[in-house]
Amino acid sequence: MKDNLVALHFKYDQARRRFVEWVQNEIAVVPDFHKRILFSDEAHFWLNGYVNKQNCRIWSEANPQVYVETPLHPEKLTVWYALWAGGILLQKR
């Protein structure tokens, strides 16, 4: 396991170094390149308090007929945002 973690760290360390070299080259060509970078992500907030912590649930090992009814698609609020040199963009769905 430790060997796998070392290999994984080495793989991502190489990717980070390649990315830094690429950014440095871009900045050499376009001095305000850093102002053109956009970081974005989205998050889902379920209105019933649900948090997706696992992909599978076993409700009962003793009685496989036991089930718990849950809504297929509970109400949720999705927020998409982006951060860049010009500010923050925000969209709610």
PDB file of N, CA and C in Angstrom:
ATOM      1  N   MET A   1       0.827  -1.193   0.000  1.00  0.00           N
ATOM      2  CA  MET A   1       0.000   0.000   0.000  1.00  0.00           C
ATOM      3  C   MET A   1       0.870   1.254   0.000  1.00  0.00           C
ATOM      4  N   LYS A   2       1.921   1.254   0.819  1.00  0.00           N
ATOM      5  CA  LYS A   2       2.792   2.423   0.888  1.00  0.00           C
ATOM      6  C   LYS A   2       3.421   2.696  -0.474  1.00  0.00           C
ATOM      7  N   ASP A   3       3.826   1.625  -1.188  1.00  0.00           N
ATOM      8  CA  ASP A   3       4.411   1.797  -2.520  1.00  0.00           C
ATOM      9  C   ASP A   3       3.415   2.443  -3.473  1.00  0.00           C
ATOM     10  N   ASN A   4       2.139   2.049  -3.361  1.00  0.00           N
ATOM     11  CA  ASN A   4       1.103   2.645  -4.210  1.00  0.00           C
ATOM     12  C   ASN A   4       0.947   4.131  -3.916  1.00  0.00           C
ATOM     13  N   LEU A   5       0.979   4.503  -2.637  1.00  0.00           N
ATOM     14  CA  LEU A   5       0.852   5.913  -2.268  1.00  0.00           C
ATOM     15  C   LEU A   5       2.038   6.724  -2.766  1.00  0.00           C
ATOM     16  N   VAL A   6       3.233   6.149  -2.675  1.00  0.00           N
ATOM     17  CA  VAL A   6       4.430   6.842  -3.165  1.00  0.00           C
ATOM     18  C   VAL A   6       4.331   7.031  -4.671  1.00  0.00           C
ATOM     19  N   ALA A   7       3.907   5.992  -5.385  1.00  0.00           N
ATOM     20  CA  ALA A   7       3.764   6.088  -6.842  1.00  0.00           C
ATOM     21  C   ALA A   7       2.704   7.113  -7.215  1.00  0.00           C
ATOM     22  N   LEU A   8       1.593   7.121  -6.486  1.00  0.00           N
ATOM     23  CA  LEU A   8       0.525   8.081  -6.755  1.00  0.00           C
ATOM     24  C   LEU A   8       1.006   9.506  -6.498  1.00  0.00           C
ATOM     25  N   HIS A   9       1.703   9.710  -5.390  1.00  0.00           N
ATOM     26  CA  HIS A   9       2.248  11.036  -5.075  1.00  0.00           C
ATOM     27  C   HIS A   9       3.214  11.478  -6.169  1.00  0.00           C
ATOM     28  N   PHE A  10       4.081  10.568  -6.618  1.00  0.00           N
ATOM     29  CA  PHE A  10       5.053  10.889  -7.664  1.00  0.00           C
ATOM     30  C   PHE A  10       4.341  11.265  -8.959  1.00  0.00           C
ATOM     31  N   LYS A  11       3.286  10.511  -9.297  1.00  0.00           N
ATOM     32  CA  LYS A  11       2.522  10.786 -10.521  1.00  0.00           C
ATOM     33  C   LYS A  11       1.924  12.195 -10.474  1.00  0.00           C
ATOM     34  N   TYR A  12       1.278  12.543  -9.360  1.00  0.00           N
ATOM     35  CA  TYR A  12       0.649  13.856  -9.257  1.00  0.00           C
ATOM     36  C   TYR A  12       1.676  14.967  -9.093  1.00  0.00           C
ATOM     37  N   ASP A  13       2.818  14.662  -8.472  1.00  0.00           N
ATOM     38  CA  ASP A  13       3.887  15.648  -8.363  1.00  0.00           C
ATOM     39  C   ASP A  13       4.399  15.999  -9.759  1.00  0.00           C
ATOM     40  N   GLN A  14       4.555  15.005 -10.615  1.00  0.00           N
ATOM     41  CA  GLN A  14       4.982  15.258 -11.996  1.00  0.00           C
ATOM     42  C   GLN A  14       3.949  16.100 -12.733  1.00  0.00           C
ATOM     43  N   ALA A  15       2.679  15.796 -12.546  1.00  0.00           N
ATOM     44  CA  ALA A  15       1.618  16.557 -13.216  1.00  0.00           C
ATOM     45  C   ALA A  15       1.620  18.009 -12.744  1.00  0.00           C
ATOM     46  N   ARG A  16       1.804  18.221 -11.441  1.00  0.00           N
ATOM     47  CA  ARG A  16       1.878  19.590 -10.914  1.00  0.00           C
ATOM     48  C   ARG A  16       3.054  20.341 -11.514  1.00  0.00           C
ATOM     49  N   ARG A  17       4.199  19.690 -11.624  1.00  0.00           N
ATOM     50  CA  ARG A  17       5.384  20.342 -12.195  1.00  0.00           C
ATOM     51  C   ARG A  17       5.154  20.709 -13.662  1.00  0.00           C
ATOM     52  N   ARG A  18       4.541  19.804 -14.417  1.00  0.00           N
ATOM     53  CA  ARG A  18       4.239  20.107 -15.828  1.00  0.00           C
ATOM     54  C   ARG A  18       3.287  21.293 -15.927  1.00  0.00           C
ATOM     55  N   PHE A  19       2.291  21.338 -15.048  1.00  0.00           N
ATOM     56  CA  PHE A  19       1.338  22.443 -15.057  1.00  0.00           C
ATOM     57  C   PHE A  19       2.040  23.765 -14.747  1.00  0.00           C
ATOM     58  N   VAL A  20       2.906  23.782 -13.736  1.00  0.00           N
ATOM     59  CA  VAL A  20       3.627  25.008 -13.371  1.00  0.00           C
ATOM     60  C   VAL A  20       4.510  25.466 -14.525  1.00  0.00           C
ATOM     61  N   GLU A  21       5.196  24.532 -15.166  1.00  0.00           N
ATOM     62  CA  GLU A  21       6.035  24.899 -16.316  1.00  0.00           C
ATOM     63  C   GLU A  21       5.184  25.479 -17.438  1.00  0.00           C
ATOM     64  N   TRP A  22       4.025  24.878 -17.680  1.00  0.00           N
ATOM     65  CA  TRP A  22       3.133  25.381 -18.729  1.00  0.00           C
ATOM     66  C   TRP A  22       2.674  26.801 -18.405  1.00  0.00           C
ATOM     67  N   VAL A  23       2.259  27.049 -17.155  1.00  0.00           N
ATOM     68  CA  VAL A  23       1.803  28.382 -16.754  1.00  0.00           C
ATOM     69  C   VAL A  23       2.936  29.391 -16.888  1.00  0.00           C
ATOM     70  N   GLN A  24       4.137  29.020 -16.468  1.00  0.00           N
ATOM     71  CA  GLN A  24       5.272  29.935 -16.588  1.00  0.00           C
ATOM     72  C   GLN A  24       5.540  30.287 -18.050  1.00  0.00           C
ATOM     73  N   ASN A  25       5.439  29.311 -18.935  1.00  0.00           N
ATOM     74  CA  ASN A  25       5.623  29.577 -20.369  1.00  0.00           C
ATOM     75  C   ASN A  25       4.534  30.497 -20.900  1.00  0.00           C
ATOM     76  N   GLU A  26       3.294  30.272 -20.474  1.00  0.00           N
ATOM     77  CA  GLU A  26       2.189  31.127 -20.922  1.00  0.00           C
ATOM     78  C   GLU A  26       2.373  32.562 -20.432  1.00  0.00           C
ATOM     79  N   ILE A  27       2.812  32.725 -19.183  1.00  0.00           N
ATOM     80  CA  ILE A  27       3.033  34.067 -18.634  1.00  0.00           C
ATOM     81  C   ILE A  27       4.159  34.773 -19.379  1.00  0.00           C
ATOM     82  N   ALA A  28       5.164  34.015 -19.828  1.00  0.00           N
ATOM     83  CA  ALA A  28       6.254  34.615 -20.603  1.00  0.00           C
ATOM     84  C   ALA A  28       5.737  35.180 -21.922  1.00  0.00           C
ATOM     85  N   VAL A  29       4.729  34.527 -22.505  1.00  0.00           N
ATOM     86  CA  VAL A  29       4.161  34.977 -23.784  1.00  0.00           C
ATOM     87  C   VAL A  29       3.094  36.044 -23.558  1.00  0.00           C
ATOM     88  N   VAL A  30       2.216  35.821 -22.584  1.00  0.00           N
ATOM     89  CA  VAL A  30       1.113  36.744 -22.284  1.00  0.00           C
ATOM     90  C   VAL A  30       1.245  37.158 -20.814  1.00  0.00           C
ATOM     91  N   PRO A  31       1.812  38.340 -20.543  1.00  0.00           N
ATOM     92  CA  PRO A  31       2.089  38.736 -19.155  1.00  0.00           C
ATOM     93  C   PRO A  31       0.876  38.731 -18.220  1.00  0.00           C
ATOM     94  N   ASP A  32      -0.328  39.003 -18.725  1.00  0.00           N
ATOM     95  CA  ASP A  32      -1.506  39.001 -17.844  1.00  0.00           C
ATOM     96  C   ASP A  32      -2.284  37.687 -17.929  1.00  0.00           C
ATOM     97  N   PHE A  33      -1.586  36.625 -18.274  1.00  0.00           N
ATOM     98  CA  PHE A  33      -2.221  35.314 -18.407  1.00  0.00           C
ATOM     99  C   PHE A  33      -2.949  34.903 -17.123  1.00  0.00           C
ATOM    100  N   HIS A  34      -2.370  35.212 -15.968  1.00  0.00           N
ATOM    101  CA  HIS A  34      -2.976  34.815 -14.688  1.00  0.00           C
ATOM    102  C   HIS A  34      -4.357  35.438 -14.497  1.00  0.00           C
ATOM    103  N   LYS A  35      -4.630  36.543 -15.186  1.00  0.00           N
ATOM    104  CA  LYS A  35      -5.945  37.178 -15.072  1.00  0.00           C
ATOM    105  C   LYS A  35      -7.005  36.458 -15.906  1.00  0.00           C
ATOM    106  N   ARG A  36      -6.574  35.536 -16.733  1.00  0.00           N
ATOM    107  CA  ARG A  36      -7.500  34.813 -17.614  1.00  0.00           C
ATOM    108  C   ARG A  36      -7.864  33.431 -17.082  1.00  0.00           C
ATOM    109  N   ILE A  37      -7.332  33.071 -15.937  1.00  0.00           N
ATOM    110  CA  ILE A  37      -7.608  31.756 -15.352  1.00  0.00           C
ATOM    111  C   ILE A  37      -8.936  31.805 -14.602  1.00  0.00           C
ATOM    112  N   LEU A  38      -9.746  30.782 -14.798  1.00  0.00           N
ATOM    113  CA  LEU A  38     -11.066  30.693 -14.179  1.00  0.00           C
ATOM    114  C   LEU A  38     -11.146  29.371 -13.414  1.00  0.00           C
ATOM    115  N   PHE A  39     -11.410  29.433 -12.126  1.00  0.00           N
ATOM    116  CA  PHE A  39     -11.615  28.239 -11.309  1.00  0.00           C
ATOM    117  C   PHE A  39     -13.113  28.100 -11.071  1.00  0.00           C
ATOM    118  N   SER A  40     -13.663  26.916 -11.335  1.00  0.00           N
ATOM    119  CA  SER A  40     -15.105  26.747 -11.159  1.00  0.00           C
ATOM    120  C   SER A  40     -15.412  25.415 -10.470  1.00  0.00           C
ATOM    121  N   ASP A  41     -16.616  25.360  -9.912  1.00  0.00           N
ATOM    122  CA  ASP A  41     -17.084  24.142  -9.252  1.00  0.00           C
ATOM    123  C   ASP A  41     -18.586  24.270  -9.055  1.00  0.00           C
ATOM    124  N   GLU A  42     -19.218  23.184  -8.683  1.00  0.00           N
ATOM    125  CA  GLU A  42     -20.633  23.247  -8.333  1.00  0.00           C
ATOM    126  C   GLU A  42     -20.866  22.383  -7.105  1.00  0.00           C
ATOM    127  N   ALA A  43     -21.906  22.733  -6.368  1.00  0.00           N
ATOM    128  CA  ALA A  43     -22.256  21.994  -5.157  1.00  0.00           C
ATOM    129  C   ALA A  43     -23.766  21.820  -5.122  1.00  0.00           C
ATOM    130  N   HIS A  44     -24.207  20.700  -4.540  1.00  0.00           N
ATOM    131  CA  HIS A  44     -25.634  20.406  -4.419  1.00  0.00           C
ATOM    132  C   HIS A  44     -26.005  20.429  -2.942  1.00  0.00           C
ATOM    133  N   PHE A  45     -27.047  21.157  -2.613  1.00  0.00           N
ATOM    134  CA  PHE A  45     -27.550  21.232  -1.250  1.00  0.00           C
ATOM    135  C   PHE A  45     -28.977  20.689  -1.253  1.00  0.00           C
ATOM    136  N   TRP A  46     -29.171  19.506  -0.637  1.00  0.00           N
ATOM    137  CA  TRP A  46     -30.499  18.906  -0.585  1.00  0.00           C
ATOM    138  C   TRP A  46     -31.314  19.583   0.508  1.00  0.00           C
ATOM    139  N   LEU A  47     -32.550  19.918   0.188  1.00  0.00           N
ATOM    140  CA  LEU A  47     -33.402  20.647   1.120  1.00  0.00           C
ATOM    141  C   LEU A  47     -33.955  19.764   2.239  1.00  0.00           C
ATOM    142  N   ASN A  48     -33.840  18.440   2.083  1.00  0.00           N
ATOM    143  CA  ASN A  48     -34.304  17.538   3.141  1.00  0.00           C
ATOM    144  C   ASN A  48     -33.178  17.157   4.100  1.00  0.00           C
ATOM    145  N   GLY A  49     -32.015  17.776   3.955  1.00  0.00           N
ATOM    146  CA  GLY A  49     -30.890  17.504   4.839  1.00  0.00           C
ATOM    147  C   GLY A  49     -30.035  16.327   4.419  1.00  0.00           C
ATOM    148  N   TYR A  50     -30.372  15.678   3.310  1.00  0.00           N
ATOM    149  CA  TYR A  50     -29.637  14.507   2.839  1.00  0.00           C
ATOM    150  C   TYR A  50     -28.225  14.885   2.417  1.00  0.00           C
ATOM    151  N   VAL A  51     -27.275  14.051   2.786  1.00  0.00           N
ATOM    152  CA  VAL A  51     -25.895  14.209   2.345  1.00  0.00           C
ATOM    153  C   VAL A  51     -25.472  12.880   1.747  1.00  0.00           C
ATOM    154  N   ASN A  52     -24.966  12.885   0.521  1.00  0.00           N
ATOM    155  CA  ASN A  52     -24.560  11.650  -0.140  1.00  0.00           C
ATOM    156  C   ASN A  52     -23.213  11.206   0.410  1.00  0.00           C
ATOM    157  N   LYS A  53     -23.237  10.261   1.365  1.00  0.00           N
ATOM    158  CA  LYS A  53     -22.007   9.793   1.985  1.00  0.00           C
ATOM    159  C   LYS A  53     -21.562   8.447   1.437  1.00  0.00           C
ATOM    160  N   GLN A  54     -22.450   7.735   0.791  1.00  0.00           N
ATOM    161  CA  GLN A  54     -22.096   6.417   0.286  1.00  0.00           C
ATOM    162  C   GLN A  54     -22.961   6.081  -0.915  1.00  0.00           C
ATOM    163  N   ASN A  55     -22.474   5.159  -1.729  1.00  0.00           N
ATOM    164  CA  ASN A  55     -23.189   4.793  -2.946  1.00  0.00           C
ATOM    165  C   ASN A  55     -24.196   3.670  -2.733  1.00  0.00           C
ATOM    166  N   CYS A  56     -24.022   2.867  -1.689  1.00  0.00           N
ATOM    167  CA  CYS A  56     -24.874   1.698  -1.477  1.00  0.00           C
ATOM    168  C   CYS A  56     -25.220   1.580   0.002  1.00  0.00           C
ATOM    169  N   ARG A  57     -26.445   1.166   0.275  1.00  0.00           N
ATOM    170  CA  ARG A  57     -26.858   0.959   1.665  1.00  0.00           C
ATOM    171  C   ARG A  57     -27.542  -0.393   1.804  1.00  0.00           C
ATOM    172  N   ILE A  58     -27.195  -1.110   2.846  1.00  0.00           N
ATOM    173  CA  ILE A  58     -27.884  -2.351   3.194  1.00  0.00           C
ATOM    174  C   ILE A  58     -28.692  -2.039   4.440  1.00  0.00           C
ATOM    175  N   TRP A  59     -30.008  -2.104   4.312  1.00  0.00           N
ATOM    176  CA  TRP A  59     -30.863  -1.708   5.427  1.00  0.00           C
ATOM    177  C   TRP A  59     -30.983  -2.804   6.472  1.00  0.00           C
ATOM    178  N   SER A  60     -30.968  -4.076   6.052  1.00  0.00           N
ATOM    179  CA  SER A  60     -31.130  -5.158   7.019  1.00  0.00           C
ATOM    180  C   SER A  60     -30.480  -6.420   6.479  1.00  0.00           C
ATOM    181  N   GLU A  61     -29.566  -6.981   7.243  1.00  0.00           N
ATOM    182  CA  GLU A  61     -28.957  -8.240   6.837  1.00  0.00           C
ATOM    183  C   GLU A  61     -29.841  -9.421   7.215  1.00  0.00           C
ATOM    184  N   ALA A  62     -30.638  -9.287   8.287  1.00  0.00           N
ATOM    185  CA  ALA A  62     -31.472 -10.386   8.764  1.00  0.00           C
ATOM    186  C   ALA A  62     -32.719 -10.566   7.912  1.00  0.00           C
ATOM    187  N   ASN A  63     -33.299  -9.477   7.417  1.00  0.00           N
ATOM    188  CA  ASN A  63     -34.532  -9.553   6.654  1.00  0.00           C
ATOM    189  C   ASN A  63     -34.384  -8.733   5.370  1.00  0.00           C
ATOM    190  N   PRO A  64     -34.108  -9.406   4.251  1.00  0.00           N
ATOM    191  CA  PRO A  64     -33.908  -8.660   3.003  1.00  0.00           C
ATOM    192  C   PRO A  64     -35.182  -7.997   2.478  1.00  0.00           C
ATOM    193  N   GLN A  65     -36.342  -8.291   3.116  1.00  0.00           N
ATOM    194  CA  GLN A  65     -37.593  -7.676   2.679  1.00  0.00           C
ATOM    195  C   GLN A  65     -37.785  -6.275   3.272  1.00  0.00           C
ATOM    196  N   VAL A  66     -36.931  -5.903   4.222  1.00  0.00           N
ATOM    197  CA  VAL A  66     -37.045  -4.589   4.855  1.00  0.00           C
ATOM    198  C   VAL A  66     -36.575  -3.526   3.870  1.00  0.00           C
ATOM    199  N   TYR A  67     -37.369  -2.492   3.744  1.00  0.00           N
ATOM    200  CA  TYR A  67     -36.945  -1.382   2.890  1.00  0.00           C
ATOM    201  C   TYR A  67     -37.385  -0.081   3.521  1.00  0.00           C
ATOM    202  N   VAL A  68     -36.689   0.953   3.161  1.00  0.00           N
ATOM    203  CA  VAL A  68     -37.021   2.289   3.645  1.00  0.00           C
ATOM    204  C   VAL A  68     -37.304   3.142   2.425  1.00  0.00           C
ATOM    205  N   GLU A  69     -38.498   3.698   2.383  1.00  0.00           N
ATOM    206  CA  GLU A  69     -38.890   4.499   1.230  1.00  0.00           C
ATOM    207  C   GLU A  69     -38.217   5.868   1.301  1.00  0.00           C
ATOM    208  N   THR A  70     -37.517   6.211   0.245  1.00  0.00           N
ATOM    209  CA  THR A  70     -36.881   7.527   0.150  1.00  0.00           C
ATOM    210  C   THR A  70     -37.239   8.126  -1.202  1.00  0.00           C
ATOM    211  N   PRO A  71     -37.369   9.429  -1.282  1.00  0.00           N
ATOM    212  CA  PRO A  71     -37.703  10.045  -2.565  1.00  0.00           C
ATOM    213  C   PRO A  71     -36.589   9.816  -3.580  1.00  0.00           C
ATOM    214  N   LEU A  72     -36.991   9.569  -4.825  1.00  0.00           N
ATOM    215  CA  LEU A  72     -36.011   9.312  -5.879  1.00  0.00           C
ATOM    216  C   LEU A  72     -35.184  10.554  -6.176  1.00  0.00           C
ATOM    217  N   HIS A  73     -35.837  11.683  -6.270  1.00  0.00           N
ATOM    218  CA  HIS A  73     -35.144  12.939  -6.564  1.00  0.00           C
ATOM    219  C   HIS A  73     -35.602  14.012  -5.574  1.00  0.00           C
ATOM    220  N   PRO A  74     -34.987  14.073  -4.400  1.00  0.00           N
ATOM    221  CA  PRO A  74     -35.407  15.092  -3.434  1.00  0.00           C
ATOM    222  C   PRO A  74     -35.082  16.493  -3.949  1.00  0.00           C
ATOM    223  N   GLU A  75     -35.822  17.460  -3.425  1.00  0.00           N
ATOM    224  CA  GLU A  75     -35.573  18.842  -3.824  1.00  0.00           C
ATOM    225  C   GLU A  75     -34.171  19.250  -3.401  1.00  0.00           C
ATOM    226  N   LYS A  76     -33.505  19.955  -4.297  1.00  0.00           N
ATOM    227  CA  LYS A  76     -32.161  20.408  -3.977  1.00  0.00           C
ATOM    228  C   LYS A  76     -31.882  21.737  -4.659  1.00  0.00           C
ATOM    229  N   LEU A  77     -30.878  22.396  -4.168  1.00  0.00           N
ATOM    230  CA  LEU A  77     -30.413  23.646  -4.747  1.00  0.00           C
ATOM    231  C   LEU A  77     -29.002  23.387  -5.251  1.00  0.00           C
ATOM    232  N   THR A  78     -28.768  23.648  -6.521  1.00  0.00           N
ATOM    233  CA  THR A  78     -27.442  23.491  -7.100  1.00  0.00           C
ATOM    234  C   THR A  78     -26.839  24.869  -7.292  1.00  0.00           C
ATOM    235  N   VAL A  79     -25.632  25.030  -6.812  1.00  0.00           N
ATOM    236  CA  VAL A  79     -24.933  26.307  -6.934  1.00  0.00           C
ATOM    237  C   VAL A  79     -23.683  26.073  -7.766  1.00  0.00           C
ATOM    238  N   TRP A  80     -23.538  26.853  -8.828  1.00  0.00           N
ATOM    239  CA  TRP A  80     -22.335  26.827  -9.653  1.00  0.00           C
ATOM    240  C   TRP A  80     -21.625  28.151  -9.448  1.00  0.00           C
ATOM    241  N   TYR A  81     -20.336  28.102  -9.273  1.00  0.00           N
ATOM    242  CA  TYR A  81     -19.602  29.347  -9.078  1.00  0.00           C
ATOM    243  C   TYR A  81     -18.253  29.280  -9.784  1.00  0.00           C
ATOM    244  N   ALA A  82     -17.736  30.445 -10.097  1.00  0.00           N
ATOM    245  CA  ALA A  82     -16.425  30.558 -10.716  1.00  0.00           C
ATOM    246  C   ALA A  82     -15.694  31.738 -10.093  1.00  0.00           C
ATOM    247  N   LEU A  83     -14.409  31.579  -9.928  1.00  0.00           N
ATOM    248  CA  LEU A  83     -13.569  32.604  -9.335  1.00  0.00           C
ATOM    249  C   LEU A  83     -12.484  32.956 -10.337  1.00  0.00           C
ATOM    250  N   TRP A  84     -12.328  34.230 -10.613  1.00  0.00           N
ATOM    251  CA  TRP A  84     -11.284  34.684 -11.523  1.00  0.00           C
ATOM    252  C   TRP A  84     -10.854  36.084 -11.120  1.00  0.00           C
ATOM    253  N   ALA A  85      -9.899  36.656 -11.830  1.00  0.00           N
ATOM    254  CA  ALA A  85      -9.341  37.964 -11.475  1.00  0.00           C
ATOM    255  C   ALA A  85     -10.400  39.061 -11.498  1.00  0.00           C
ATOM    256  N   GLY A  86     -11.455  38.896 -12.299  1.00  0.00           N
ATOM    257  CA  GLY A  86     -12.504  39.908 -12.403  1.00  0.00           C
ATOM    258  C   GLY A  86     -13.561  39.811 -11.325  1.00  0.00           C
ATOM    259  N   GLY A  87     -13.514  38.777 -10.498  1.00  0.00           N
ATOM    260  CA  GLY A  87     -14.500  38.641  -9.433  1.00  0.00           C
ATOM    261  C   GLY A  87     -15.023  37.227  -9.300  1.00  0.00           C
ATOM    262  N   ILE A  88     -16.266  37.130  -8.843  1.00  0.00           N
ATOM    263  CA  ILE A  88     -16.920  35.842  -8.618  1.00  0.00           C
ATOM    264  C   ILE A  88     -18.195  35.796  -9.442  1.00  0.00           C
ATOM    265  N   LEU A  89     -18.384  34.703 -10.154  1.00  0.00           N
ATOM    266  CA  LEU A  89     -19.628  34.459 -10.885  1.00  0.00           C
ATOM    267  C   LEU A  89     -20.411  33.425 -10.088  1.00  0.00           C
ATOM    268  N   LEU A  90     -21.719  33.604  -9.981  1.00  0.00           N
ATOM    269  CA  LEU A  90     -22.544  32.705  -9.179  1.00  0.00           C
ATOM    270  C   LEU A  90     -23.850  32.440  -9.904  1.00  0.00           C
ATOM    271  N   GLN A  91     -24.244  31.175  -9.966  1.00  0.00           N
ATOM    272  CA  GLN A  91     -25.518  30.814 -10.577  1.00  0.00           C
ATOM    273  C   GLN A  91     -26.190  29.780  -9.693  1.00  0.00           C
ATOM    274  N   LYS A  92     -27.472  30.001  -9.377  1.00  0.00           N
ATOM    275  CA  LYS A  92     -28.252  29.041  -8.587  1.00  0.00           C
ATOM    276  C   LYS A  92     -29.263  28.377  -9.514  1.00  0.00           C
ATOM    277  N   ARG A  93     -29.436  27.062  -9.342  1.00  0.00           N
ATOM    278  CA  ARG A  93     -30.423  26.321 -10.129  1.00  0.00           C
ATOM    279  C   ARG A  93     -31.293  25.512  -9.212  1.00  0.00           C
TER     280      ARG A  93
END
